[in-house]
């Protein structure tokens, strides 16, 4: 997609980066147990964040997220 429509690709990258940051913040809340519903949303959050990180090419960070999900 980046070669065919670079502007759209940049917009998608920016959107995914913003989404990743929101999920990272939620992950930190879960890990520190600040979220009152942590056990309900943990699995989906960790899986979605890892998928976003893989999309962004952050495989090492995705591996960390997956490991945190297993340890949670």
C-alpha atoms as a PDB file:
ATOM      1  CA  UNK A   1       0.000   0.000   0.000  1.00  0.00           C
ATOM      2  CA  UNK A   2       2.873   2.404   0.730  1.00  0.00           C
ATOM      3  CA  UNK A   3       4.106   2.433  -2.862  1.00  0.00           C
ATOM      4  CA  UNK A   4       0.671   2.933  -4.410  1.00  0.00           C
ATOM      5  CA  UNK A   5      -0.565   5.632  -2.048  1.00  0.00           C
ATOM      6  CA  UNK A   6       2.184   7.039   0.208  1.00  0.00           C
ATOM      7  CA  UNK A   7      -0.055   9.682   1.818  1.00  0.00           C
ATOM      8  CA  UNK A   8      -2.596   7.070   2.894  1.00  0.00           C
ATOM      9  CA  UNK A   9       0.192   4.839   4.173  1.00  0.00           C
ATOM     10  CA  UNK A  10       1.604   7.691   6.280  1.00  0.00           C
ATOM     11  CA  UNK A  11      -1.855   8.422   7.665  1.00  0.00           C
ATOM     12  CA  UNK A  12      -2.317   4.750   8.568  1.00  0.00           C
ATOM     13  CA  UNK A  13       1.110   4.655  10.227  1.00  0.00           C
ATOM     14  CA  UNK A  14       0.258   7.747  12.286  1.00  0.00           C
ATOM     15  CA  UNK A  15      -3.131   6.358  13.286  1.00  0.00           C
ATOM     16  CA  UNK A  16      -1.649   3.009  14.277  1.00  0.00           C
ATOM     17  CA  UNK A  17       1.095   4.742  16.274  1.00  0.00           C
ATOM     18  CA  UNK A  18      -1.516   6.752  18.191  1.00  0.00           C
ATOM     19  CA  UNK A  19      -3.564   3.619  18.784  1.00  0.00           C
ATOM     20  CA  UNK A  20      -0.466   1.800  19.984  1.00  0.00           C
ATOM     21  CA  UNK A  21       0.252   4.559  22.517  1.00  0.00           C
ATOM     22  CA  UNK A  22      -3.281   4.335  23.902  1.00  0.00           C
ATOM     23  CA  UNK A  23      -2.969   0.565  24.261  1.00  0.00           C
ATOM     24  CA  UNK A  24       0.468   0.906  25.886  1.00  0.00           C
ATOM     25  CA  UNK A  25      -1.083   3.234  28.460  1.00  0.00           C
ATOM     26  CA  UNK A  26      -3.874   0.731  29.117  1.00  0.00           C
ATOM     27  CA  UNK A  27      -1.301  -2.067  29.369  1.00  0.00           C
ATOM     28  CA  UNK A  28       0.603  -0.108  31.995  1.00  0.00           C
ATOM     29  CA  UNK A  29      -2.637   0.428  33.928  1.00  0.00           C
ATOM     30  CA  UNK A  30      -3.333  -3.311  33.802  1.00  0.00           C
ATOM     31  CA  UNK A  31       0.164  -4.267  34.866  1.00  0.00           C
ATOM     32  CA  UNK A  32       0.015  -1.885  37.814  1.00  0.00           C
ATOM     33  CA  UNK A  33      -3.545  -3.088  38.622  1.00  0.00           C
ATOM     34  CA  UNK A  34      -4.994   0.411  38.431  1.00  0.00           C
ATOM     35  CA  UNK A  35      -7.803  -0.692  36.138  1.00  0.00           C
ATOM     36  CA  UNK A  36     -10.831  -2.013  38.052  1.00  0.00           C
ATOM     37  CA  UNK A  37     -11.734  -4.456  35.230  1.00  0.00           C
ATOM     38  CA  UNK A  38      -8.198  -5.701  34.561  1.00  0.00           C
ATOM     39  CA  UNK A  39      -9.007  -9.400  34.324  1.00  0.00           C
ATOM     40  CA  UNK A  40     -11.883  -8.824  31.891  1.00  0.00           C
ATOM     41  CA  UNK A  41      -9.959  -6.862  29.255  1.00  0.00           C
ATOM     42  CA  UNK A  42      -6.390  -8.102  29.686  1.00  0.00           C
ATOM     43  CA  UNK A  43      -6.371 -10.841  27.047  1.00  0.00           C
ATOM     44  CA  UNK A  44      -7.898  -8.714  24.293  1.00  0.00           C
ATOM     45  CA  UNK A  45      -5.700  -5.754  25.138  1.00  0.00           C
ATOM     46  CA  UNK A  46      -2.441  -7.714  25.075  1.00  0.00           C
ATOM     47  CA  UNK A  47      -3.369  -9.478  21.827  1.00  0.00           C
ATOM     48  CA  UNK A  48      -4.478  -6.292  20.085  1.00  0.00           C
ATOM     49  CA  UNK A  49      -1.442  -4.333  21.232  1.00  0.00           C
ATOM     50  CA  UNK A  50       0.886  -7.087  20.010  1.00  0.00           C
ATOM     51  CA  UNK A  51      -0.847  -7.102  16.607  1.00  0.00           C
ATOM     52  CA  UNK A  52      -0.503  -3.317  16.332  1.00  0.00           C
ATOM     53  CA  UNK A  53       3.167  -3.498  17.272  1.00  0.00           C
ATOM     54  CA  UNK A  54       3.828  -6.190  14.663  1.00  0.00           C
ATOM     55  CA  UNK A  55       2.059  -4.038  12.063  1.00  0.00           C
ATOM     56  CA  UNK A  56       4.349  -1.143  13.008  1.00  0.00           C
ATOM     57  CA  UNK A  57       7.417  -3.381  12.702  1.00  0.00           C
ATOM     58  CA  UNK A  58       8.091  -3.416  16.447  1.00  0.00           C
ATOM     59  CA  UNK A  59       8.523  -7.160  16.807  1.00  0.00           C
ATOM     60  CA  UNK A  60      10.711  -7.001  19.921  1.00  0.00           C
ATOM     61  CA  UNK A  61       8.121  -4.841  21.665  1.00  0.00           C
ATOM     62  CA  UNK A  62       5.366  -7.228  20.505  1.00  0.00           C
ATOM     63  CA  UNK A  63       7.264 -10.167  22.003  1.00  0.00           C
ATOM     64  CA  UNK A  64       7.500  -8.255  25.301  1.00  0.00           C
ATOM     65  CA  UNK A  65       3.762  -7.565  25.186  1.00  0.00           C
ATOM     66  CA  UNK A  66       2.959 -11.221  24.485  1.00  0.00           C
ATOM     67  CA  UNK A  67       5.192 -12.324  27.364  1.00  0.00           C
ATOM     68  CA  UNK A  68       3.509  -9.829  29.684  1.00  0.00           C
ATOM     69  CA  UNK A  69       0.163 -11.272  28.610  1.00  0.00           C
ATOM     70  CA  UNK A  70       1.282 -14.789  29.491  1.00  0.00           C
ATOM     71  CA  UNK A  71       2.665 -13.603  32.826  1.00  0.00           C
ATOM     72  CA  UNK A  72      -0.461 -11.621  33.680  1.00  0.00           C
END
